[in-house]
Protein backbone atom coordinates (compact mmCIF):
# COMPACT_ATOMS: atom_id res chain seq x y z
CA MET A 1 -73.94 82.21 78.72
CA LYS A 2 -76.92 82.29 81.05
CA ASN A 3 -80.05 84.10 79.91
CA LYS A 4 -79.03 87.32 81.58
CA ILE A 5 -76.74 90.29 81.17
CA LYS A 6 -74.65 92.04 83.80
CA VAL A 7 -74.06 95.79 83.77
CA ILE A 8 -71.36 97.13 86.06
CA GLY A 9 -71.90 100.76 86.97
CA GLY A 10 -75.11 102.69 87.62
CA GLY A 11 -74.22 106.01 86.03
CA LEU A 12 -75.73 107.41 82.83
CA ALA A 13 -74.17 104.82 80.52
CA GLY A 14 -74.95 101.87 82.78
CA SER A 15 -78.52 103.00 83.42
CA GLU A 16 -79.13 103.50 79.71
CA ALA A 17 -77.64 100.10 78.87
CA ALA A 18 -79.84 98.43 81.51
CA TRP A 19 -82.92 100.12 80.02
CA GLN A 20 -82.14 99.01 76.48
CA ILE A 21 -81.75 95.43 77.72
CA ALA A 22 -84.82 95.39 79.98
CA LYS A 23 -87.13 96.92 77.36
CA ARG A 24 -86.22 94.03 75.09
CA GLY A 25 -87.46 91.59 77.71
CA TYR A 26 -84.22 90.38 79.29
CA GLU A 27 -83.10 90.23 82.91
CA VAL A 28 -80.37 92.65 83.95
CA GLU A 29 -78.14 92.51 86.98
CA LEU A 30 -77.12 96.13 87.51
CA TYR A 31 -74.19 96.52 89.91
CA GLU A 32 -73.59 99.86 91.64
CA MET A 33 -70.99 100.10 94.39
CA ARG A 34 -72.47 103.20 96.04
CA PRO A 35 -73.15 103.60 98.96
CA VAL A 36 -71.02 100.59 99.99
CA GLN A 37 -68.05 102.25 98.29
CA MET A 38 -68.34 105.97 97.53
CA THR A 39 -66.28 108.01 95.06
CA PRO A 40 -64.52 111.36 95.60
CA ALA A 41 -67.23 113.20 93.62
CA HIS A 42 -70.58 111.44 94.15
CA LYS A 43 -72.84 112.64 96.96
CA THR A 44 -75.68 110.08 96.84
CA GLU A 45 -76.37 106.43 96.13
CA HIS A 46 -78.85 107.19 93.35
CA LEU A 47 -78.53 105.83 89.83
CA ALA A 48 -77.58 108.32 87.11
CA GLU A 49 -76.39 110.91 89.64
CA LEU A 50 -75.11 114.02 87.86
CA VAL A 51 -71.72 114.69 89.39
CA CYS A 52 -70.82 117.87 87.53
CA SER A 53 -73.18 120.27 85.76
CA ASN A 54 -76.94 119.75 85.47
CA SER A 55 -76.76 120.82 81.81
CA PHE A 56 -76.90 118.41 78.89
CA ARG A 57 -75.72 121.29 76.68
CA ALA A 58 -77.20 122.56 73.41
CA ALA A 59 -80.66 121.43 72.35
CA ASN A 60 -80.65 122.41 68.67
CA VAL A 61 -79.82 119.61 66.19
CA GLU A 62 -77.57 122.01 64.28
CA ASN A 63 -75.24 121.58 67.25
CA ALA A 64 -73.52 118.18 67.40
CA VAL A 65 -74.61 117.38 70.95
CA GLY A 66 -78.17 118.45 70.10
CA LEU A 67 -78.11 115.99 67.19
CA LEU A 68 -76.78 113.28 69.50
CA LYS A 69 -79.72 113.83 71.85
CA GLU A 70 -82.23 113.65 68.99
CA GLU A 71 -80.73 110.39 67.74
CA MET A 72 -81.10 108.92 71.21
CA ARG A 73 -84.69 110.10 71.51
CA ARG A 74 -85.48 108.27 68.29
CA LEU A 75 -83.94 105.11 69.76
CA ASP A 76 -86.08 105.40 72.92
CA SER A 77 -83.37 106.48 75.34
CA LEU A 78 -84.38 106.40 79.00
CA ILE A 79 -81.91 109.15 79.85
CA MET A 80 -83.51 111.42 77.26
CA ARG A 81 -87.01 110.55 78.50
CA ALA A 82 -86.00 111.49 82.04
CA ALA A 83 -84.17 114.64 80.92
CA ASP A 84 -87.14 115.93 78.93
CA ALA A 85 -89.49 115.14 81.83
CA THR A 86 -87.39 116.99 84.42
CA ALA A 87 -86.08 119.90 82.33
CA VAL A 88 -85.57 123.34 83.86
CA PRO A 89 -85.28 126.62 81.90
CA ALA A 90 -81.82 126.98 80.33
CA GLY A 91 -82.22 129.08 77.18
CA GLY A 92 -80.93 127.14 74.19
CA ALA A 93 -79.65 124.26 76.32
CA LEU A 94 -81.28 121.26 77.96
CA ALA A 95 -80.76 121.32 81.73
CA VAL A 96 -82.50 119.24 84.38
CA ASP A 97 -83.48 119.22 88.02
CA ARG A 98 -80.71 116.84 89.05
CA ASN A 99 -82.55 115.16 91.94
CA ALA A 100 -85.78 114.67 89.99
CA PHE A 101 -83.80 113.41 87.01
CA SER A 102 -81.98 110.69 88.96
CA ALA A 103 -85.20 109.67 90.72
CA THR A 104 -87.01 109.34 87.38
CA VAL A 105 -84.26 107.15 85.92
CA GLU A 106 -84.13 104.86 88.94
CA GLU A 107 -87.92 104.55 89.31
CA THR A 108 -88.35 103.75 85.61
CA LEU A 109 -85.69 101.05 85.68
CA MET A 110 -87.11 99.43 88.80
CA ALA A 111 -90.64 99.52 87.35
CA THR A 112 -89.61 97.24 84.47
CA GLY A 113 -89.34 94.28 86.85
CA LYS A 114 -86.33 93.18 84.80
CA VAL A 115 -83.59 95.21 86.45
CA HIS A 116 -82.10 93.73 89.61
CA LEU A 117 -80.05 96.40 91.40
CA ILE A 118 -77.15 94.96 93.39
CA ARG A 119 -75.23 97.27 95.71
CA GLU A 120 -71.70 95.94 95.83
CA GLU A 121 -68.25 96.67 94.47
CA ILE A 122 -67.16 94.42 91.60
CA THR A 123 -63.46 93.54 91.74
CA GLU A 124 -63.25 90.96 88.92
CA ILE A 125 -64.70 90.80 85.41
CA PRO A 126 -67.62 88.32 85.45
CA GLN A 127 -67.13 85.13 83.46
CA ASP A 128 -70.67 83.73 83.71
CA ALA A 129 -72.66 86.30 81.69
CA ILE A 130 -72.53 88.80 78.89
CA THR A 131 -71.19 91.90 80.61
CA ILE A 132 -71.11 95.65 80.05
CA ILE A 133 -68.46 97.56 82.00
CA ALA A 134 -69.71 101.11 82.55
CA THR A 135 -67.90 102.00 85.75
CA GLY A 136 -67.07 105.48 84.54
CA PRO A 137 -64.08 107.72 85.17
CA LEU A 138 -64.33 107.17 88.94
CA THR A 139 -63.79 103.41 88.74
CA SER A 140 -62.68 101.96 92.08
CA GLU A 141 -58.98 101.39 92.67
CA LYS A 142 -59.33 97.60 92.83
CA PHE A 143 -61.28 97.36 89.59
CA SER A 144 -58.97 99.85 87.87
CA ILE A 145 -56.14 97.39 88.36
CA VAL A 146 -58.22 94.64 86.74
CA LEU A 147 -59.01 96.89 83.78
CA ALA A 148 -55.36 97.91 83.44
CA ASN A 149 -54.42 94.25 83.12
CA LEU A 150 -57.05 93.84 80.39
CA ALA A 151 -56.60 97.07 78.45
CA GLY A 152 -52.99 97.96 79.07
CA ARG A 153 -51.24 100.07 81.64
CA GLU A 154 -50.82 103.23 79.57
CA ASP A 155 -50.86 106.31 81.75
CA LEU A 156 -54.33 107.45 80.71
CA TYR A 157 -56.07 109.82 83.08
CA PHE A 158 -57.07 113.45 83.40
CA TYR A 159 -58.34 115.70 86.15
CA ASP A 160 -61.91 116.96 86.05
CA ALA A 161 -63.16 120.03 87.89
CA VAL A 162 -66.69 120.79 89.13
CA ALA A 163 -68.41 124.18 89.42
CA PRO A 164 -69.89 125.53 92.69
CA ILE A 165 -73.64 125.64 93.38
CA LEU A 166 -75.11 128.66 95.19
CA SER A 167 -78.32 129.32 97.13
CA GLY A 168 -80.74 131.24 94.93
CA ASP A 169 -81.91 133.53 97.72
CA SER A 170 -78.33 134.62 98.48
CA ILE A 171 -77.89 136.28 95.07
CA ASN A 172 -78.20 140.08 95.05
CA MET A 173 -80.83 140.77 92.40
CA ASP A 174 -80.36 144.53 92.80
CA VAL A 175 -77.19 143.96 90.78
CA ALA A 176 -77.77 140.67 88.94
CA PHE A 177 -80.50 140.32 86.33
CA PHE A 178 -82.42 137.60 84.48
CA ALA A 179 -81.78 137.25 80.73
CA SER A 180 -80.73 134.87 77.97
CA ARG A 181 -78.25 135.93 75.31
CA TYR A 182 -79.87 137.97 72.54
CA ASP A 183 -83.18 137.46 74.42
CA LYS A 184 -83.50 133.98 72.91
CA GLY A 185 -86.19 131.96 74.68
CA GLU A 186 -87.16 132.79 78.22
CA ALA A 187 -84.90 134.74 80.57
CA ALA A 188 -83.35 131.56 81.94
CA TYR A 189 -80.04 132.76 83.41
CA ILE A 190 -79.10 135.06 86.25
CA ASN A 191 -76.37 137.38 84.97
CA CYS A 192 -73.79 139.07 87.19
CA PRO A 193 -72.30 142.00 85.23
CA MET A 194 -68.77 143.32 85.66
CA ASN A 195 -67.22 146.58 84.56
CA GLN A 196 -63.54 146.60 83.58
CA GLU A 197 -62.31 147.63 87.01
CA GLU A 198 -64.26 144.81 88.68
CA TYR A 199 -63.05 142.33 86.07
CA ASP A 200 -59.41 143.33 86.50
CA ALA A 201 -59.64 142.91 90.28
CA PHE A 202 -61.29 139.51 89.85
CA TYR A 203 -58.61 138.42 87.40
CA GLU A 204 -55.80 139.35 89.78
CA ALA A 205 -57.52 137.52 92.62
CA ILE A 206 -58.16 134.29 90.73
CA ILE A 207 -54.68 133.92 89.24
CA SER A 208 -53.07 134.38 92.67
CA ALA A 209 -55.48 132.18 94.67
CA ASP A 210 -54.39 128.93 96.29
CA VAL A 211 -55.38 125.73 94.46
CA PHE A 212 -55.60 122.02 95.19
CA GLU A 213 -52.43 120.11 94.34
CA PRO A 214 -52.50 116.33 93.83
CA HIS A 215 -50.46 114.08 96.04
CA GLY A 216 -47.38 112.30 94.81
CA PHE A 217 -45.75 112.79 91.45
CA GLU A 218 -48.77 113.04 89.13
CA LYS A 219 -48.90 115.97 86.76
CA ILE A 220 -52.33 117.56 86.50
CA LYS A 221 -53.77 117.04 83.01
CA PHE A 222 -57.13 118.73 82.39
CA PHE A 223 -59.64 117.87 79.67
CA GLU A 224 -59.77 120.90 77.37
CA GLY A 225 -63.58 120.99 77.39
CA CYS A 226 -63.75 121.24 81.19
CA MET A 227 -60.88 123.57 82.12
CA PRO A 228 -60.94 125.15 85.58
CA MET A 229 -61.62 128.89 85.53
CA GLU A 230 -58.24 129.64 87.09
CA ALA A 231 -56.51 127.63 84.34
CA ILE A 232 -58.41 129.63 81.71
CA ALA A 233 -57.42 132.88 83.46
CA ALA A 234 -53.77 131.82 83.49
CA ARG A 235 -53.79 131.87 79.67
CA GLY A 236 -54.15 135.64 79.60
CA ARG A 237 -55.91 138.63 81.15
CA GLU A 238 -58.70 138.75 78.57
CA THR A 239 -59.22 135.00 78.13
CA MET A 240 -62.12 134.73 80.58
CA CYS A 241 -64.14 137.58 79.06
CA HIS A 242 -63.76 136.00 75.61
CA GLY A 243 -64.73 132.60 77.04
CA PRO A 244 -67.06 131.70 79.93
CA LEU A 245 -67.44 135.35 80.98
CA LYS A 246 -68.20 136.73 77.52
CA PRO A 247 -70.86 139.48 77.68
CA VAL A 248 -72.09 139.38 74.08
CA GLY A 249 -75.86 139.36 73.63
CA LEU A 250 -76.53 140.75 77.12
CA THR A 251 -77.49 144.23 78.30
CA ASP A 252 -77.16 145.44 81.89
CA PRO A 253 -80.56 147.03 82.71
CA ARG A 254 -78.84 149.44 85.10
CA THR A 255 -76.71 151.00 82.35
CA GLY A 256 -78.47 150.01 79.13
CA LYS A 257 -75.11 148.81 77.82
CA MET A 258 -73.24 145.54 77.34
CA PRO A 259 -71.08 144.81 80.42
CA TYR A 260 -67.35 144.26 80.17
CA ALA A 261 -67.82 140.69 81.41
CA VAL A 262 -70.70 138.57 82.74
CA VAL A 263 -70.86 135.59 85.09
CA GLN A 264 -73.93 133.48 84.34
CA LEU A 265 -75.85 131.32 86.82
CA ARG A 266 -78.16 128.50 85.74
CA LYS A 267 -80.98 126.84 87.70
CA GLU A 268 -80.11 123.58 89.40
CA ASP A 269 -83.69 122.76 90.38
CA ALA A 270 -87.17 123.56 89.11
CA ARG A 271 -87.97 125.96 91.97
CA GLY A 272 -84.79 127.99 91.57
CA GLN A 273 -83.49 127.35 95.07
CA MET A 274 -80.01 126.54 93.75
CA TYR A 275 -77.93 127.96 90.91
CA ASN A 276 -74.84 126.60 89.17
CA MET A 277 -71.97 128.96 88.27
CA VAL A 278 -71.83 128.32 84.52
CA GLY A 279 -68.35 127.46 83.29
CA PHE A 280 -66.84 127.93 86.77
CA GLN A 281 -65.18 124.56 87.14
CA THR A 282 -62.51 125.14 89.73
CA HIS A 283 -59.83 123.57 91.89
CA LEU A 284 -59.43 126.56 94.18
CA LEU A 285 -59.37 125.70 97.87
CA ARG A 286 -62.75 126.20 99.58
CA GLY A 287 -61.78 129.32 101.49
CA GLU A 288 -60.39 130.84 98.30
CA GLN A 289 -63.64 130.09 96.44
CA GLU A 290 -65.57 132.09 99.02
CA ARG A 291 -63.10 134.96 98.94
CA VAL A 292 -62.64 135.21 95.18
CA PHE A 293 -66.14 134.37 93.90
CA ARG A 294 -67.80 136.79 96.32
CA MET A 295 -65.91 139.53 94.46
CA ILE A 296 -68.34 138.97 91.57
CA PRO A 297 -71.04 141.69 91.58
CA GLY A 298 -74.28 140.18 92.89
CA LEU A 299 -72.50 137.38 94.75
CA GLU A 300 -71.18 139.42 97.68
CA GLN A 301 -73.20 137.33 100.17
CA ALA A 302 -73.33 134.12 98.16
CA GLU A 303 -74.01 130.94 100.13
CA PHE A 304 -72.30 127.83 98.77
CA GLN A 305 -74.50 124.73 98.59
CA ARG A 306 -71.60 122.86 96.98
CA TYR A 307 -68.03 123.98 96.50
CA GLY A 308 -66.15 123.40 93.30
CA MET A 309 -63.83 120.42 93.41
CA ILE A 310 -61.34 118.38 91.44
CA HIS A 311 -61.18 114.63 90.93
CA ARG A 312 -59.11 112.21 88.90
CA ASN A 313 -60.81 110.55 85.93
CA THR A 314 -59.60 107.29 84.41
CA TYR A 315 -60.22 105.91 80.94
CA ILE A 316 -58.91 102.92 79.00
CA HIS A 317 -56.98 102.92 75.73
CA SER A 318 -60.07 101.90 73.79
CA PRO A 319 -58.53 101.78 70.28
CA LYS A 320 -56.29 98.98 71.52
CA ILE A 321 -59.13 96.63 72.53
CA LEU A 322 -62.59 97.78 71.32
CA GLU A 323 -64.58 97.36 68.13
CA PRO A 324 -66.99 100.12 67.01
CA THR A 325 -69.71 97.85 68.44
CA LEU A 326 -68.07 98.54 71.84
CA GLU A 327 -67.30 94.82 72.23
CA VAL A 328 -63.80 93.74 73.25
CA ARG A 329 -62.04 92.32 70.17
CA ASP A 330 -60.76 89.11 71.71
CA ARG A 331 -63.39 88.65 74.40
CA GLU A 332 -66.82 87.87 72.95
CA GLY A 333 -69.69 89.05 75.14
CA LEU A 334 -67.70 91.72 76.99
CA PHE A 335 -68.55 95.36 76.26
CA PHE A 336 -67.43 98.75 77.54
CA ALA A 337 -69.58 101.88 77.70
CA GLY A 338 -69.45 105.45 78.95
CA GLN A 339 -66.59 107.69 79.99
CA ILE A 340 -64.33 104.75 80.79
CA THR A 341 -64.03 104.32 76.99
CA GLY A 342 -62.68 107.83 76.43
CA VAL A 343 -65.80 109.76 75.52
CA GLU A 344 -66.40 112.95 77.49
CA GLY A 345 -69.79 114.34 78.49
CA TYR A 346 -73.14 113.14 79.77
CA MET A 347 -74.73 112.64 76.37
CA GLU A 348 -71.67 111.02 74.86
CA SER A 349 -71.56 108.52 77.73
CA THR A 350 -75.27 107.81 77.41
CA SER A 351 -75.07 107.15 73.67
CA ASN A 352 -72.28 104.71 74.36
CA GLY A 353 -74.44 102.88 76.92
CA LEU A 354 -77.35 102.77 74.51
CA LEU A 355 -75.27 101.09 71.80
CA ALA A 356 -73.63 98.65 74.23
CA GLY A 357 -77.01 97.67 75.63
CA ILE A 358 -78.43 96.95 72.18
CA ASN A 359 -75.38 94.91 71.19
CA ALA A 360 -75.32 92.97 74.45
CA VAL A 361 -78.85 91.76 73.68
CA ARG A 362 -77.79 90.80 70.17
CA ALA A 363 -74.86 88.88 71.62
CA LEU A 364 -77.27 87.01 73.90
CA GLU A 365 -79.51 86.22 70.94
CA GLY A 366 -76.59 85.10 68.76
CA LYS A 367 -77.09 87.94 66.28
CA ALA A 368 -74.53 90.06 64.48
CA ARG A 369 -73.64 93.22 66.40
CA ILE A 370 -74.73 96.59 65.08
CA THR A 371 -72.04 98.98 63.94
CA MET A 372 -73.61 102.42 63.85
CA PRO A 373 -72.57 104.34 60.71
CA PRO A 374 -70.09 107.19 61.22
CA GLU A 375 -72.61 109.44 59.45
CA THR A 376 -74.55 109.39 62.75
CA ALA A 377 -73.38 111.08 65.93
CA ILE A 378 -73.70 107.84 67.93
CA GLY A 379 -71.67 105.99 65.32
CA ALA A 380 -69.04 108.71 65.04
CA LEU A 381 -68.30 108.47 68.76
CA ALA A 382 -68.15 104.68 68.68
CA HIS A 383 -65.74 104.78 65.75
CA TYR A 384 -63.58 107.33 67.58
CA VAL A 385 -63.14 105.16 70.66
CA ALA A 386 -62.43 102.10 68.50
CA ARG A 387 -60.07 103.78 66.04
CA GLY A 388 -58.77 106.86 67.84
CA GLY A 389 -57.63 110.07 66.21
CA SER A 390 -54.47 110.90 64.31
CA GLY A 391 -52.47 111.62 67.46
CA ARG A 392 -52.58 110.31 71.00
CA PHE A 393 -55.90 109.04 72.33
CA ASP A 394 -57.60 111.72 74.48
CA PRO A 395 -61.17 112.07 75.82
CA MET A 396 -63.52 113.52 73.20
CA ASN A 397 -66.88 115.27 73.12
CA ILE A 398 -69.10 114.82 70.09
CA THR A 399 -68.33 117.23 67.26
CA PHE A 400 -69.42 117.34 63.64
CA GLY A 401 -65.73 116.89 62.84
CA LEU A 402 -65.91 113.27 64.01
CA MET A 403 -68.64 112.45 61.50
CA SER A 404 -68.04 111.39 57.89
CA PRO A 405 -67.80 114.51 55.70
CA LEU A 406 -70.51 115.45 53.23
CA GLU A 407 -69.98 114.53 49.60
CA GLN A 408 -70.61 118.12 48.58
CA ARG A 409 -68.68 120.87 50.30
CA ILE A 410 -70.77 123.52 52.04
CA ARG A 411 -68.78 126.56 53.08
CA LYS A 412 -71.19 128.15 55.56
CA LYS A 413 -70.89 126.40 58.91
CA LYS A 414 -74.54 126.68 59.91
CA GLU A 415 -75.75 125.26 56.60
CA ARG A 416 -73.10 122.52 56.69
CA ASN A 417 -74.08 121.47 60.21
CA ALA A 418 -77.76 121.44 59.26
CA ALA A 419 -76.97 119.20 56.29
CA LEU A 420 -74.91 116.85 58.46
CA ALA A 421 -77.78 116.63 60.95
CA ARG A 422 -80.36 115.89 58.24
CA ARG A 423 -78.14 113.18 56.78
CA ALA A 424 -77.56 111.63 60.21
CA LEU A 425 -81.26 111.37 60.98
CA ASP A 426 -82.00 110.00 57.50
CA VAL A 427 -79.31 107.32 57.92
CA LEU A 428 -80.55 106.49 61.40
CA SER A 429 -84.07 105.88 60.05
CA THR A 430 -82.76 103.10 57.77
CA ILE A 431 -81.09 101.07 60.56
CA ASP A 432 -82.95 98.04 61.89
CA ILE A 433 -81.96 98.18 65.57
CA ASP A 434 -83.91 95.09 66.61
């Protein structure tokens, strides 16, 4: 192998992998096909573009994704550096200004002098260098065929839906109000309250609205953690107000009471010019989005900066070909990282890229690869994609359930999660990454 590493894909996983390689002093060829070849969901050519939400989810380490973020901080993750530097108010979550975030990632990578960004579509797996494939769920059609030949042609895909983004100045603040649940932290969300009559009318509208249908014979399969609002509504009249529209912990200042249901909006940018409809992933047609979502109190005149959309995500059957190091079992020097492996979520993809980047360097140096212990969140995800679950292999977010159980049973969930987090960080501190 030449004294270089190739990373294919400039999303979160690929950018993180490139950083881990460059910071260790090695040259990286980072291939990103945009803007030469765009995807159905990306809007820019920037590295680490956030296609869906601008939220990286819970910040507290007693939440599994919060623990995952803290582990990555301790391993000097570029994505976490950029996220912390471009954070916007989001209550108990970590959310970012999406444009500033992507710019920070790209500028930091280019400033290393080690990352060589090449804008072209890769259609074959390189044979002349250690390679990390991090093309993500929107892998090009040509390269998908190559990967299918390598990893098997199992029918592995799911549809992902994206929430709309609204203009901040189009929200009616005579009706909507700023607050966070239970007044935790600053009042980071705009809340649009509904009474029961308004909720019932909204429910009837959303379940009868026209939706996007895929071409051909494919059956739509959604990832459970990113269900479209209309699919949630179809499960029952009260499902939305016990899920994304739950009103608990909020008080309507006009009535002094908890609303029947609440639609929350979260900042997309630091200045509050744009707001994301939290949990409102959708595959309603554009005209239907305007009609139905403007029924929400406070959004009667809402201006859509981006409509919700649906796109097809692809992932490989990782347990068939990957080790927990993320290296292909019978192809030394070839690694996979990110959502293409079957992890779901920004942070999960990033952690995957971090581990692949570290192990790619070790492969270049002729060292043994690092297998992160399943007591850590990073390791638990890597073991999941290499070993799979007890049933069929489906995309997975990080959960404490993926991690090795504690030796001593703790009945209370909050105390158990805190103990799992403490153990994970203690184990992480004993690992010699370099």
